[in-house]
């Protein structure tokens, strides 16, 4: 069953849709993730409960919570609802793009531009940053994602994580190559500056044997016996 609810805020009317039998209600188990994602992709909107379940699967590899309240508390602990207002939103209500964007920015450790660095993660700036990066459609932080748009966002996050791993591996490889090159250069310079000392040939004697007097040589006249005449 689908219900549309309107919330007035100033001159703006934000419509929220509710689903009584969303994907996470049908397939809440970790071993049902394939059916969950397949069902979610066909939904007109992604609910708060759906989004939390999907993001926990993405960030932790599993969702061990049995209730929506548990999932919400897990999201709060991770900072996913930083900047959001109104407390815990209804489980079956369409999730706002803003808090989903904050969760995505934190999962990807996105620092963003100067504004995000000054004011931190916020629904508005995270939504804009993800749109700028091509990970999210151009939507305001108060709009809702369809189930297909949410699954596409999760796919984009996973692709970005793999790309970040490639960049990190390349960075480490360059650092290793630089260190190896510096070590080789240091060794070459050391060999150039170190004087060469030829080692003596084994078995040779450097003593001045030639200077030693031969047997019988060097005797004085007084030492010689005189023959009788």
C-alpha atoms as a PDB file:
ATOM      1  CA  UNK A   1       0.000   0.000   0.000  1.00  0.00           C
ATOM      2  CA  UNK A   2       1.326   3.438  -0.979  1.00  0.00           C
ATOM      3  CA  UNK A   3       0.338   6.603   0.887  1.00  0.00           C
ATOM      4  CA  UNK A   4       1.373  10.181   0.133  1.00  0.00           C
ATOM      5  CA  UNK A   5       1.731  12.602   3.034  1.00  0.00           C
ATOM      6  CA  UNK A   6       2.396  16.336   2.694  1.00  0.00           C
ATOM      7  CA  UNK A   7       4.518  18.350   5.129  1.00  0.00           C
ATOM      8  CA  UNK A   8       4.356  22.142   4.937  1.00  0.00           C
ATOM      9  CA  UNK A   9       7.522  24.084   5.642  1.00  0.00           C
ATOM     10  CA  UNK A  10       7.266  27.819   4.950  1.00  0.00           C
ATOM     11  CA  UNK A  11       6.237  28.190   1.348  1.00  0.00           C
ATOM     12  CA  UNK A  12       7.469  24.738   0.394  1.00  0.00           C
ATOM     13  CA  UNK A  13       5.474  21.536   0.469  1.00  0.00           C
ATOM     14  CA  UNK A  14       7.497  18.343   0.810  1.00  0.00           C
ATOM     15  CA  UNK A  15       5.555  15.222  -0.007  1.00  0.00           C
ATOM     16  CA  UNK A  16       6.540  11.990   1.727  1.00  0.00           C
ATOM     17  CA  UNK A  17       5.404   8.603   0.532  1.00  0.00           C
ATOM     18  CA  UNK A  18       4.885   5.620   2.813  1.00  0.00           C
ATOM     19  CA  UNK A  19       5.136   1.938   1.913  1.00  0.00           C
ATOM     20  CA  UNK A  20       3.663  -0.681   4.209  1.00  0.00           C
ATOM     21  CA  UNK A  21       5.413  -3.671   2.650  1.00  0.00           C
ATOM     22  CA  UNK A  22       8.801  -2.453   1.467  1.00  0.00           C
ATOM     23  CA  UNK A  23      11.779  -4.604   0.478  1.00  0.00           C
ATOM     24  CA  UNK A  24      13.347  -4.804   3.946  1.00  0.00           C
ATOM     25  CA  UNK A  25      10.044  -5.932   5.454  1.00  0.00           C
ATOM     26  CA  UNK A  26       9.895  -8.796   2.959  1.00  0.00           C
ATOM     27  CA  UNK A  27      13.612  -9.682   2.970  1.00  0.00           C
ATOM     28  CA  UNK A  28      15.278  -8.541   6.221  1.00  0.00           C
ATOM     29  CA  UNK A  29      17.893 -11.295   6.555  1.00  0.00           C
ATOM     30  CA  UNK A  30      21.543 -11.052   5.561  1.00  0.00           C
ATOM     31  CA  UNK A  31      21.107 -14.225   3.529  1.00  0.00           C
ATOM     32  CA  UNK A  32      18.256 -12.556   1.602  1.00  0.00           C
ATOM     33  CA  UNK A  33      20.295  -9.639   0.299  1.00  0.00           C
ATOM     34  CA  UNK A  34      19.908 -10.621  -3.362  1.00  0.00           C
ATOM     35  CA  UNK A  35      16.108 -10.673  -3.073  1.00  0.00           C
ATOM     36  CA  UNK A  36      16.225  -7.428  -1.078  1.00  0.00           C
ATOM     37  CA  UNK A  37      18.151  -5.525  -3.750  1.00  0.00           C
ATOM     38  CA  UNK A  38      16.074  -7.001  -6.566  1.00  0.00           C
ATOM     39  CA  UNK A  39      12.812  -6.038  -4.872  1.00  0.00           C
ATOM     40  CA  UNK A  40      14.093  -2.597  -3.877  1.00  0.00           C
ATOM     41  CA  UNK A  41      15.034  -1.712  -7.454  1.00  0.00           C
ATOM     42  CA  UNK A  42      11.349  -2.034  -8.412  1.00  0.00           C
ATOM     43  CA  UNK A  43       9.983   0.244  -5.674  1.00  0.00           C
ATOM     44  CA  UNK A  44       8.632   3.720  -6.399  1.00  0.00           C
ATOM     45  CA  UNK A  45      10.585   5.092  -3.409  1.00  0.00           C
ATOM     46  CA  UNK A  46      13.158   3.858  -0.907  1.00  0.00           C
ATOM     47  CA  UNK A  47      11.977   3.995   2.700  1.00  0.00           C
ATOM     48  CA  UNK A  48      14.072   4.953   5.712  1.00  0.00           C
ATOM     49  CA  UNK A  49      14.136   1.328   6.828  1.00  0.00           C
ATOM     50  CA  UNK A  50      15.157   0.170   3.336  1.00  0.00           C
ATOM     51  CA  UNK A  51      17.906   2.782   3.094  1.00  0.00           C
ATOM     52  CA  UNK A  52      19.363   1.985   6.516  1.00  0.00           C
ATOM     53  CA  UNK A  53      19.358  -1.750   5.822  1.00  0.00           C
ATOM     54  CA  UNK A  54      21.046  -1.219   2.445  1.00  0.00           C
ATOM     55  CA  UNK A  55      23.660   1.196   3.789  1.00  0.00           C
ATOM     56  CA  UNK A  56      24.512  -1.101   6.698  1.00  0.00           C
ATOM     57  CA  UNK A  57      24.975  -3.967   4.244  1.00  0.00           C
ATOM     58  CA  UNK A  58      27.258  -1.688   2.227  1.00  0.00           C
ATOM     59  CA  UNK A  59      29.345  -0.293   5.079  1.00  0.00           C
ATOM     60  CA  UNK A  60      29.536  -3.304   7.414  1.00  0.00           C
ATOM     61  CA  UNK A  61      28.917  -6.209   5.065  1.00  0.00           C
ATOM     62  CA  UNK A  62      25.895  -7.253   7.112  1.00  0.00           C
ATOM     63  CA  UNK A  63      22.931  -5.879   9.038  1.00  0.00           C
ATOM     64  CA  UNK A  64      22.517  -7.710  12.333  1.00  0.00           C
ATOM     65  CA  UNK A  65      19.654  -5.486  13.509  1.00  0.00           C
ATOM     66  CA  UNK A  66      16.222  -7.045  13.786  1.00  0.00           C
ATOM     67  CA  UNK A  67      14.288  -3.790  14.158  1.00  0.00           C
ATOM     68  CA  UNK A  68      14.167  -0.386  12.524  1.00  0.00           C
ATOM     69  CA  UNK A  69      14.991   1.276  15.850  1.00  0.00           C
ATOM     70  CA  UNK A  70      18.224  -0.714  16.027  1.00  0.00           C
ATOM     71  CA  UNK A  71      19.146   0.304  12.471  1.00  0.00           C
ATOM     72  CA  UNK A  72      18.421   3.941  13.231  1.00  0.00           C
ATOM     73  CA  UNK A  73      20.626   3.884  16.344  1.00  0.00           C
ATOM     74  CA  UNK A  74      23.405   2.263  14.286  1.00  0.00           C
ATOM     75  CA  UNK A  75      23.060   5.045  11.710  1.00  0.00           C
ATOM     76  CA  UNK A  76      23.157   7.727  14.410  1.00  0.00           C
ATOM     77  CA  UNK A  77      26.304   6.172  15.897  1.00  0.00           C
ATOM     78  CA  UNK A  78      27.969   6.355  12.482  1.00  0.00           C
ATOM     79  CA  UNK A  79      27.006  10.022  12.104  1.00  0.00           C
ATOM     80  CA  UNK A  80      24.661   9.427   9.188  1.00  0.00           C
ATOM     81  CA  UNK A  81      21.978  11.692  10.631  1.00  0.00           C
ATOM     82  CA  UNK A  82      24.303  14.594  11.414  1.00  0.00           C
ATOM     83  CA  UNK A  83      22.560  17.811  10.403  1.00  0.00           C
ATOM     84  CA  UNK A  84      19.157  16.150  10.125  1.00  0.00           C
ATOM     85  CA  UNK A  85      16.234  17.419  12.156  1.00  0.00           C
ATOM     86  CA  UNK A  86      13.076  15.953  13.637  1.00  0.00           C
ATOM     87  CA  UNK A  87      14.520  12.892  15.356  1.00  0.00           C
ATOM     88  CA  UNK A  88      13.890   9.364  14.114  1.00  0.00           C
ATOM     89  CA  UNK A  89      11.844   9.458  10.889  1.00  0.00           C
ATOM     90  CA  UNK A  90       9.098   6.867  10.340  1.00  0.00           C
ATOM     91  CA  UNK A  91      10.414   3.510   9.137  1.00  0.00           C
ATOM     92  CA  UNK A  92       8.049   3.172   6.176  1.00  0.00           C
ATOM     93  CA  UNK A  93       8.336   6.792   5.049  1.00  0.00           C
ATOM     94  CA  UNK A  94      10.306   7.765   1.942  1.00  0.00           C
ATOM     95  CA  UNK A  95      13.889   8.569   2.942  1.00  0.00           C
ATOM     96  CA  UNK A  96      15.216  12.060   2.385  1.00  0.00           C
ATOM     97  CA  UNK A  97      18.097  12.375  -0.035  1.00  0.00           C
ATOM     98  CA  UNK A  98      19.966  14.524   2.504  1.00  0.00           C
ATOM     99  CA  UNK A  99      20.705  11.976   5.213  1.00  0.00           C
ATOM    100  CA  UNK A 100      21.427   9.287   2.614  1.00  0.00           C
ATOM    101  CA  UNK A 101      23.967  11.669   1.053  1.00  0.00           C
ATOM    102  CA  UNK A 102      25.605  12.274   4.454  1.00  0.00           C
ATOM    103  CA  UNK A 103      25.923   8.511   4.936  1.00  0.00           C
ATOM    104  CA  UNK A 104      27.438   8.109   1.464  1.00  0.00           C
ATOM    105  CA  UNK A 105      29.957  10.914   2.069  1.00  0.00           C
ATOM    106  CA  UNK A 106      31.058   9.323   5.331  1.00  0.00           C
ATOM    107  CA  UNK A 107      31.317   5.836   3.846  1.00  0.00           C
ATOM    108  CA  UNK A 108      33.516   7.206   1.057  1.00  0.00           C
ATOM    109  CA  UNK A 109      35.361   9.580   3.452  1.00  0.00           C
ATOM    110  CA  UNK A 110      34.640  12.491   1.120  1.00  0.00           C
ATOM    111  CA  UNK A 111      36.154  15.757   2.365  1.00  0.00           C
ATOM    112  CA  UNK A 112      34.406  17.923  -0.210  1.00  0.00           C
ATOM    113  CA  UNK A 113      35.132  21.532  -0.996  1.00  0.00           C
ATOM    114  CA  UNK A 114      35.887  24.448   1.295  1.00  0.00           C
ATOM    115  CA  UNK A 115      32.289  24.742   2.502  1.00  0.00           C
ATOM    116  CA  UNK A 116      32.110  21.111   3.632  1.00  0.00           C
ATOM    117  CA  UNK A 117      35.516  21.383   5.266  1.00  0.00           C
ATOM    118  CA  UNK A 118      34.398  24.467   7.199  1.00  0.00           C
ATOM    119  CA  UNK A 119      30.904  23.362   8.209  1.00  0.00           C
ATOM    120  CA  UNK A 120      31.249  19.581   8.119  1.00  0.00           C
ATOM    121  CA  UNK A 121      28.919  17.050   6.569  1.00  0.00           C
ATOM    122  CA  UNK A 122      25.415  18.385   6.064  1.00  0.00           C
ATOM    123  CA  UNK A 123      22.476  17.038   4.039  1.00  0.00           C
ATOM    124  CA  UNK A 124      22.595  19.959   1.619  1.00  0.00           C
ATOM    125  CA  UNK A 125      26.319  20.063   0.920  1.00  0.00           C
ATOM    126  CA  UNK A 126      26.729  16.288   0.794  1.00  0.00           C
ATOM    127  CA  UNK A 127      23.876  16.080  -1.720  1.00  0.00           C
ATOM    128  CA  UNK A 128      25.548  18.725  -3.873  1.00  0.00           C
ATOM    129  CA  UNK A 129      28.953  17.076  -3.597  1.00  0.00           C
ATOM    130  CA  UNK A 130      27.643  13.662  -4.670  1.00  0.00           C
ATOM    131  CA  UNK A 131      25.783  15.272  -7.569  1.00  0.00           C
ATOM    132  CA  UNK A 132      28.983  17.073  -8.595  1.00  0.00           C
ATOM    133  CA  UNK A 133      30.846  13.747  -8.492  1.00  0.00           C
ATOM    134  CA  UNK A 134      28.208  12.112 -10.676  1.00  0.00           C
ATOM    135  CA  UNK A 135      27.145   9.646  -7.986  1.00  0.00           C
ATOM    136  CA  UNK A 136      23.691  11.080  -7.319  1.00  0.00           C
ATOM    137  CA  UNK A 137      20.950  12.664  -9.469  1.00  0.00           C
ATOM    138  CA  UNK A 138      20.476  16.416  -9.151  1.00  0.00           C
ATOM    139  CA  UNK A 139      17.953  16.392  -6.296  1.00  0.00           C
ATOM    140  CA  UNK A 140      17.453  18.587  -3.253  1.00  0.00           C
ATOM    141  CA  UNK A 141      18.177  17.190   0.182  1.00  0.00           C
ATOM    142  CA  UNK A 142      14.445  16.924   0.973  1.00  0.00           C
ATOM    143  CA  UNK A 143      13.437  14.917  -2.068  1.00  0.00           C
ATOM    144  CA  UNK A 144      13.213  11.132  -2.225  1.00  0.00           C
ATOM    145  CA  UNK A 145      15.025   8.525  -4.297  1.00  0.00           C
ATOM    146  CA  UNK A 146      13.297   5.771  -6.179  1.00  0.00           C
ATOM    147  CA  UNK A 147      14.384   2.259  -5.357  1.00  0.00           C
ATOM    148  CA  UNK A 148      16.321   2.064  -8.621  1.00  0.00           C
ATOM    149  CA  UNK A 149      18.061   5.385  -7.946  1.00  0.00           C
ATOM    150  CA  UNK A 150      19.109   4.169  -4.507  1.00  0.00           C
ATOM    151  CA  UNK A 151      20.501   0.877  -5.811  1.00  0.00           C
ATOM    152  CA  UNK A 152      22.349   2.848  -8.510  1.00  0.00           C
ATOM    153  CA  UNK A 153      23.829   5.087  -5.794  1.00  0.00           C
ATOM    154  CA  UNK A 154      25.028   2.033  -3.867  1.00  0.00           C
ATOM    155  CA  UNK A 155      26.581   0.644  -7.062  1.00  0.00           C
ATOM    156  CA  UNK A 156      28.290   4.001  -7.651  1.00  0.00           C
ATOM    157  CA  UNK A 157      29.655   4.003  -4.093  1.00  0.00           C
ATOM    158  CA  UNK A 158      31.083   0.505  -4.556  1.00  0.00           C
ATOM    159  CA  UNK A 159      32.653   1.532  -7.878  1.00  0.00           C
ATOM    160  CA  UNK A 160      34.168   4.573  -6.205  1.00  0.00           C
ATOM    161  CA  UNK A 161      35.556   2.433  -3.377  1.00  0.00           C
ATOM    162  CA  UNK A 162      37.243   0.134  -5.888  1.00  0.00           C
ATOM    163  CA  UNK A 163      38.636   3.136  -7.748  1.00  0.00           C
ATOM    164  CA  UNK A 164      39.963   4.576  -4.483  1.00  0.00           C
ATOM    165  CA  UNK A 165      41.675   1.244  -3.788  1.00  0.00           C
ATOM    166  CA  UNK A 166      43.314   1.389  -7.224  1.00  0.00           C
ATOM    167  CA  UNK A 167      44.515   4.955  -6.585  1.00  0.00           C
ATOM    168  CA  UNK A 168      45.860   3.988  -3.148  1.00  0.00           C
ATOM    169  CA  UNK A 169      47.686   0.947  -4.544  1.00  0.00           C
ATOM    170  CA  UNK A 170      49.236   3.093  -7.292  1.00  0.00           C
ATOM    171  CA  UNK A 171      50.283   5.692  -4.711  1.00  0.00           C
ATOM    172  CA  UNK A 172      52.004   3.044  -2.571  1.00  0.00           C
ATOM    173  CA  UNK A 173      53.735   1.593  -5.632  1.00  0.00           C
ATOM    174  CA  UNK A 174      55.112   5.008  -6.589  1.00  0.00           C
ATOM    175  CA  UNK A 175      56.352   5.554  -3.029  1.00  0.00           C
ATOM    176  CA  UNK A 176      58.118   2.174  -3.073  1.00  0.00           C
ATOM    177  CA  UNK A 177      59.688   2.941  -6.447  1.00  0.00           C
ATOM    178  CA  UNK A 178      60.844   6.347  -5.183  1.00  0.00           C
ATOM    179  CA  UNK A 179      62.433   4.824  -2.068  1.00  0.00           C
ATOM    180  CA  UNK A 180      64.150   2.127  -4.127  1.00  0.00           C
ATOM    181  CA  UNK A 181      65.517   4.754  -6.519  1.00  0.00           C
ATOM    182  CA  UNK A 182      66.772   6.907  -3.636  1.00  0.00           C
ATOM    183  CA  UNK A 183      68.456   3.895  -2.012  1.00  0.00           C
ATOM    184  CA  UNK A 184      70.157   2.949  -5.282  1.00  0.00           C
ATOM    185  CA  UNK A 185      71.374   6.521  -5.793  1.00  0.00           C
ATOM    186  CA  UNK A 186      72.697   6.711  -2.226  1.00  0.00           C
ATOM    187  CA  UNK A 187      74.589   3.465  -2.749  1.00  0.00           C
ATOM    188  CA  UNK A 188      76.085   4.721  -6.017  1.00  0.00           C
ATOM    189  CA  UNK A 189      77.264   7.968  -4.407  1.00  0.00           C
ATOM    190  CA  UNK A 190      78.743   6.043  -1.479  1.00  0.00           C
ATOM    191  CA  UNK A 191      80.720   3.829  -3.831  1.00  0.00           C
ATOM    192  CA  UNK A 192      82.048   6.853  -5.735  1.00  0.00           C
ATOM    193  CA  UNK A 193      83.173   8.683  -2.597  1.00  0.00           C
ATOM    194  CA  UNK A 194      84.707   5.679  -0.822  1.00  0.00           C
ATOM    195  CA  UNK A 195      88.503   5.325  -1.731  1.00  0.00           C
ATOM    196  CA  UNK A 196      89.579   2.028  -3.176  1.00  0.00           C
ATOM    197  CA  UNK A 197      92.115   0.089  -0.981  1.00  0.00           C
ATOM    198  CA  UNK A 198      93.538  -2.933  -2.782  1.00  0.00           C
ATOM    199  CA  UNK A 199      93.874  -5.880  -0.459  1.00  0.00           C
ATOM    200  CA  UNK A 200      97.358  -7.443  -0.158  1.00  0.00           C
ATOM    201  CA  UNK A 201      97.935 -10.726  -1.956  1.00  0.00           C
ATOM    202  CA  UNK A 202      97.799 -13.584   0.479  1.00  0.00           C
ATOM    203  CA  UNK A 203     101.192 -15.173   1.246  1.00  0.00           C
ATOM    204  CA  UNK A 204     103.291 -12.109   0.454  1.00  0.00           C
ATOM    205  CA  UNK A 205     105.577 -10.383   2.988  1.00  0.00           C
ATOM    206  CA  UNK A 206     106.101  -6.664   2.805  1.00  0.00           C
ATOM    207  CA  UNK A 207     109.206  -6.738   5.063  1.00  0.00           C
ATOM    208  CA  UNK A 208     112.474  -5.444   3.581  1.00  0.00           C
ATOM    209  CA  UNK A 209     114.180  -8.778   3.228  1.00  0.00           C
ATOM    210  CA  UNK A 210     116.516  -7.400   0.567  1.00  0.00           C
ATOM    211  CA  UNK A 211     117.960  -4.984   3.104  1.00  0.00           C
ATOM    212  CA  UNK A 212     118.972  -7.751   5.512  1.00  0.00           C
ATOM    213  CA  UNK A 213     122.720  -8.565   5.311  1.00  0.00           C
ATOM    214  CA  UNK A 214     123.616 -11.835   3.646  1.00  0.00           C
ATOM    215  CA  UNK A 215     125.374 -14.511   5.649  1.00  0.00           C
ATOM    216  CA  UNK A 216     129.015 -13.544   6.096  1.00  0.00           C
ATOM    217  CA  UNK A 217     128.447 -10.069   4.740  1.00  0.00           C
ATOM    218  CA  UNK A 218     129.053  -7.031   6.856  1.00  0.00           C
ATOM    219  CA  UNK A 219     131.832  -8.605   8.955  1.00  0.00           C
ATOM    220  CA  UNK A 220     134.582  -6.160   9.914  1.00  0.00           C
ATOM    221  CA  UNK A 221     138.298  -6.661   9.256  1.00  0.00           C
ATOM    222  CA  UNK A 222     138.902  -7.118  12.944  1.00  0.00           C
ATOM    223  CA  UNK A 223     136.480 -10.007  12.968  1.00  0.00           C
ATOM    224  CA  UNK A 224     138.405 -11.842  10.275  1.00  0.00           C
ATOM    225  CA  UNK A 225     141.026 -14.259  11.503  1.00  0.00           C
ATOM    226  CA  UNK A 226     144.528 -13.580  10.201  1.00  0.00           C
ATOM    227  CA  UNK A 227     146.339 -16.357   8.535  1.00  0.00           C
ATOM    228  CA  UNK A 228     149.846 -17.163   9.920  1.00  0.00           C
ATOM    229  CA  UNK A 229     152.618 -16.016   7.732  1.00  0.00           C
END
